[in-house]
Amino acid sequence: MADNPKSELINFLQRYCGRTLTKADVLWNKTGSAGSFQCIARLVCLNGQEFAGEPAGTEKEAEQNAARQALEAFAAEISAMPPSTS
């Protein structure tokens, strides 16, 4: 899987939606404290679908875990896309 799932998710969503995303298109809802964080990625740009990541030691890791869950859910769509031209 990706070294940076959050960036890979954003790249996929931009290609899938056919436009540049704004901060309002993907919301990262983080909960927890002191070494135990969880994040839910809400894809507003795709009808508000939500993906909960595994708990992690930092907020950043929790965001990456949520992005990883979304990428796994869209694996078929990602593999069906033509290669990026950039």
N, C-alpha and C. Protein backbone atom coordinates (compact mmCIF):
# COMPACT_ATOMS: atom_id res chain seq x y z
N MET A 1 0.86 -1.19 0.00
CA MET A 1 0.00 0.00 0.00
C MET A 1 0.90 1.23 0.00
N ALA A 2 0.28 2.34 -0.09
CA ALA A 2 0.97 3.61 -0.29
C ALA A 2 1.82 4.03 0.91
N ASP A 3 2.92 4.74 0.62
CA ASP A 3 3.73 5.32 1.68
C ASP A 3 3.00 6.48 2.34
N ASN A 4 2.18 7.18 1.57
CA ASN A 4 1.39 8.30 2.08
C ASN A 4 -0.05 8.13 1.60
N PRO A 5 -0.83 7.30 2.30
CA PRO A 5 -2.20 7.03 1.86
C PRO A 5 -3.06 8.29 1.74
N LYS A 6 -2.84 9.27 2.59
CA LYS A 6 -3.66 10.48 2.54
C LYS A 6 -3.44 11.21 1.21
N SER A 7 -2.19 11.36 0.79
CA SER A 7 -1.91 12.01 -0.49
C SER A 7 -2.43 11.19 -1.66
N GLU A 8 -2.27 9.86 -1.56
CA GLU A 8 -2.77 9.00 -2.63
C GLU A 8 -4.29 9.09 -2.74
N LEU A 9 -4.97 9.17 -1.61
CA LEU A 9 -6.43 9.31 -1.62
C LEU A 9 -6.84 10.62 -2.28
N ILE A 10 -6.18 11.71 -1.91
CA ILE A 10 -6.51 13.01 -2.51
C ILE A 10 -6.28 12.97 -4.01
N ASN A 11 -5.16 12.38 -4.44
CA ASN A 11 -4.89 12.28 -5.88
C ASN A 11 -5.96 11.47 -6.58
N PHE A 12 -6.36 10.34 -5.99
CA PHE A 12 -7.42 9.52 -6.57
C PHE A 12 -8.72 10.31 -6.67
N LEU A 13 -9.11 10.98 -5.59
CA LEU A 13 -10.38 11.71 -5.58
C LEU A 13 -10.40 12.82 -6.62
N GLN A 14 -9.28 13.50 -6.80
CA GLN A 14 -9.22 14.57 -7.81
C GLN A 14 -9.43 13.98 -9.20
N ARG A 15 -8.80 12.85 -9.48
CA ARG A 15 -8.97 12.22 -10.79
C ARG A 15 -10.39 11.68 -10.94
N TYR A 16 -10.91 11.05 -9.90
CA TYR A 16 -12.23 10.43 -9.93
C TYR A 16 -13.33 11.49 -10.10
N CYS A 17 -13.19 12.60 -9.39
CA CYS A 17 -14.19 13.68 -9.45
C CYS A 17 -13.95 14.62 -10.64
N GLY A 18 -12.75 14.56 -11.22
CA GLY A 18 -12.45 15.38 -12.38
C GLY A 18 -12.22 16.85 -12.07
N ARG A 19 -11.77 17.13 -10.85
CA ARG A 19 -11.53 18.52 -10.47
C ARG A 19 -10.58 18.58 -9.29
N THR A 20 -10.06 19.77 -9.03
CA THR A 20 -9.23 20.00 -7.86
C THR A 20 -10.13 20.04 -6.63
N LEU A 21 -9.72 19.38 -5.58
CA LEU A 21 -10.51 19.35 -4.36
C LEU A 21 -10.26 20.59 -3.51
N THR A 22 -11.23 20.89 -2.68
CA THR A 22 -11.07 21.95 -1.68
C THR A 22 -11.01 21.28 -0.30
N LYS A 23 -10.67 22.03 0.71
CA LYS A 23 -10.62 21.48 2.07
C LYS A 23 -11.98 20.95 2.50
N ALA A 24 -13.06 21.47 1.95
CA ALA A 24 -14.40 21.03 2.32
C ALA A 24 -14.79 19.69 1.68
N ASP A 25 -14.01 19.21 0.72
CA ASP A 25 -14.34 17.96 0.03
C ASP A 25 -14.01 16.72 0.84
N VAL A 26 -13.02 16.79 1.71
CA VAL A 26 -12.63 15.67 2.57
C VAL A 26 -12.46 16.21 3.98
N LEU A 27 -13.22 15.66 4.91
CA LEU A 27 -13.14 16.10 6.30
C LEU A 27 -12.51 14.99 7.13
N TRP A 28 -11.59 15.38 8.00
CA TRP A 28 -10.86 14.43 8.85
C TRP A 28 -11.31 14.65 10.29
N ASN A 29 -12.15 13.75 10.81
CA ASN A 29 -12.67 13.86 12.17
C ASN A 29 -11.83 12.99 13.09
N LYS A 30 -11.00 13.64 13.90
CA LYS A 30 -10.08 12.93 14.78
C LYS A 30 -10.60 12.97 16.22
N THR A 31 -10.49 11.82 16.89
CA THR A 31 -10.86 11.74 18.30
C THR A 31 -9.74 11.02 19.05
N GLY A 32 -9.69 11.23 20.35
CA GLY A 32 -8.71 10.56 21.19
C GLY A 32 -7.78 11.53 21.86
N SER A 33 -6.83 10.96 22.61
CA SER A 33 -5.84 11.77 23.31
C SER A 33 -4.70 10.89 23.78
N ALA A 34 -3.59 11.52 24.08
CA ALA A 34 -2.42 10.88 24.73
C ALA A 34 -2.06 9.52 24.14
N GLY A 35 -1.75 9.51 22.86
CA GLY A 35 -1.22 8.30 22.25
C GLY A 35 -2.23 7.32 21.71
N SER A 36 -3.51 7.67 21.72
CA SER A 36 -4.53 6.80 21.14
C SER A 36 -5.54 7.66 20.39
N PHE A 37 -5.37 7.73 19.08
CA PHE A 37 -6.22 8.55 18.24
C PHE A 37 -6.89 7.70 17.17
N GLN A 38 -8.09 8.10 16.79
CA GLN A 38 -8.77 7.47 15.67
C GLN A 38 -9.30 8.58 14.78
N CYS A 39 -9.39 8.29 13.50
CA CYS A 39 -9.85 9.28 12.55
C CYS A 39 -10.89 8.66 11.63
N ILE A 40 -11.89 9.45 11.29
CA ILE A 40 -12.87 9.08 10.27
C ILE A 40 -12.72 10.07 9.14
N ALA A 41 -12.46 9.55 7.94
CA ALA A 41 -12.38 10.40 6.75
C ALA A 41 -13.78 10.45 6.13
N ARG A 42 -14.31 11.65 6.01
CA ARG A 42 -15.63 11.83 5.39
C ARG A 42 -15.41 12.44 4.01
N LEU A 43 -15.78 11.68 2.98
CA LEU A 43 -15.58 12.13 1.61
C LEU A 43 -16.83 12.87 1.14
N VAL A 44 -16.87 14.15 1.45
CA VAL A 44 -18.01 14.98 1.09
C VAL A 44 -18.19 14.99 -0.43
N CYS A 45 -17.08 14.94 -1.16
CA CYS A 45 -17.11 14.95 -2.62
C CYS A 45 -17.72 13.68 -3.20
N LEU A 46 -17.88 12.64 -2.39
CA LEU A 46 -18.51 11.39 -2.83
C LEU A 46 -19.68 11.05 -1.92
N ASN A 47 -20.62 11.97 -1.85
CA ASN A 47 -21.87 11.78 -1.11
C ASN A 47 -21.67 11.51 0.37
N GLY A 48 -20.58 12.00 0.94
CA GLY A 48 -20.37 11.90 2.38
C GLY A 48 -19.97 10.53 2.89
N GLN A 49 -19.48 9.66 2.02
CA GLN A 49 -19.03 8.35 2.47
C GLN A 49 -17.98 8.51 3.57
N GLU A 50 -18.03 7.63 4.57
CA GLU A 50 -17.10 7.72 5.69
C GLU A 50 -16.29 6.44 5.84
N PHE A 51 -15.03 6.61 6.23
CA PHE A 51 -14.11 5.50 6.42
C PHE A 51 -13.35 5.70 7.72
N ALA A 52 -13.50 4.76 8.64
CA ALA A 52 -12.83 4.83 9.94
C ALA A 52 -11.52 4.06 9.88
N GLY A 53 -10.46 4.71 10.30
CA GLY A 53 -9.16 4.06 10.35
C GLY A 53 -8.92 3.37 11.68
N GLU A 54 -7.91 2.52 11.69
CA GLU A 54 -7.50 1.85 12.93
C GLU A 54 -6.92 2.90 13.89
N PRO A 55 -7.07 2.69 15.19
CA PRO A 55 -6.47 3.60 16.16
C PRO A 55 -4.95 3.66 15.96
N ALA A 56 -4.37 4.82 16.29
CA ALA A 56 -2.94 5.03 16.11
C ALA A 56 -2.39 5.89 17.24
N GLY A 57 -1.07 5.98 17.28
CA GLY A 57 -0.40 6.72 18.34
C GLY A 57 -0.42 8.23 18.17
N THR A 58 -0.59 8.69 16.92
CA THR A 58 -0.63 10.13 16.67
C THR A 58 -1.83 10.46 15.78
N GLU A 59 -2.21 11.74 15.77
CA GLU A 59 -3.31 12.17 14.90
C GLU A 59 -2.95 11.95 13.43
N LYS A 60 -1.70 12.23 13.08
CA LYS A 60 -1.27 12.08 11.68
C LYS A 60 -1.38 10.62 11.24
N GLU A 61 -0.91 9.69 12.09
CA GLU A 61 -1.03 8.28 11.76
C GLU A 61 -2.49 7.86 11.65
N ALA A 62 -3.34 8.40 12.51
CA ALA A 62 -4.77 8.08 12.47
C ALA A 62 -5.39 8.54 11.14
N GLU A 63 -4.99 9.72 10.66
CA GLU A 63 -5.48 10.20 9.36
C GLU A 63 -5.03 9.26 8.25
N GLN A 64 -3.77 8.84 8.30
CA GLN A 64 -3.24 7.93 7.28
C GLN A 64 -4.02 6.61 7.29
N ASN A 65 -4.36 6.12 8.48
CA ASN A 65 -5.11 4.88 8.59
C ASN A 65 -6.51 5.01 8.00
N ALA A 66 -7.15 6.14 8.22
CA ALA A 66 -8.48 6.35 7.64
C ALA A 66 -8.39 6.43 6.11
N ALA A 67 -7.37 7.12 5.62
CA ALA A 67 -7.17 7.22 4.17
C ALA A 67 -6.91 5.83 3.58
N ARG A 68 -6.15 5.01 4.29
CA ARG A 68 -5.86 3.65 3.83
C ARG A 68 -7.15 2.85 3.69
N GLN A 69 -8.08 3.00 4.63
CA GLN A 69 -9.36 2.30 4.55
C GLN A 69 -10.15 2.74 3.31
N ALA A 70 -10.15 4.03 3.04
CA ALA A 70 -10.85 4.54 1.86
C ALA A 70 -10.22 4.00 0.58
N LEU A 71 -8.89 3.98 0.53
CA LEU A 71 -8.20 3.46 -0.65
C LEU A 71 -8.55 1.99 -0.87
N GLU A 72 -8.61 1.21 0.20
CA GLU A 72 -8.97 -0.20 0.07
C GLU A 72 -10.39 -0.35 -0.47
N ALA A 73 -11.30 0.52 -0.02
CA ALA A 73 -12.69 0.46 -0.49
C ALA A 73 -12.81 0.79 -1.97
N PHE A 74 -11.93 1.65 -2.46
CA PHE A 74 -11.98 2.06 -3.86
C PHE A 74 -10.92 1.37 -4.71
N ALA A 75 -10.40 0.25 -4.24
CA ALA A 75 -9.33 -0.44 -4.97
C ALA A 75 -9.73 -0.78 -6.40
N ALA A 76 -10.96 -1.22 -6.62
CA ALA A 76 -11.40 -1.59 -7.97
C ALA A 76 -11.43 -0.37 -8.88
N GLU A 77 -11.94 0.75 -8.37
CA GLU A 77 -12.00 1.97 -9.16
C GLU A 77 -10.60 2.49 -9.48
N ILE A 78 -9.70 2.40 -8.51
CA ILE A 78 -8.33 2.86 -8.70
C ILE A 78 -7.63 2.02 -9.76
N SER A 79 -7.80 0.70 -9.68
CA SER A 79 -7.12 -0.17 -10.66
C SER A 79 -7.71 -0.03 -12.05
N ALA A 80 -8.96 0.39 -12.16
CA ALA A 80 -9.60 0.54 -13.47
C ALA A 80 -9.26 1.87 -14.15
N MET A 81 -8.69 2.81 -13.38
CA MET A 81 -8.37 4.12 -13.96
C MET A 81 -7.16 4.02 -14.89
N PRO A 82 -7.18 4.80 -15.96
CA PRO A 82 -5.98 4.83 -16.80
C PRO A 82 -4.82 5.49 -16.05
N PRO A 83 -3.60 5.18 -16.46
CA PRO A 83 -2.45 5.80 -15.78
C PRO A 83 -2.53 7.32 -15.84
N SER A 84 -2.03 7.95 -14.78
CA SER A 84 -1.98 9.41 -14.73
C SER A 84 -1.00 9.92 -15.77
N THR A 85 -1.35 11.03 -16.39
CA THR A 85 -0.45 11.63 -17.41
C THR A 85 0.53 12.62 -16.81
N SER A 86 0.40 12.88 -15.50
CA SER A 86 1.31 13.87 -14.88
C SER A 86 2.53 13.23 -14.30
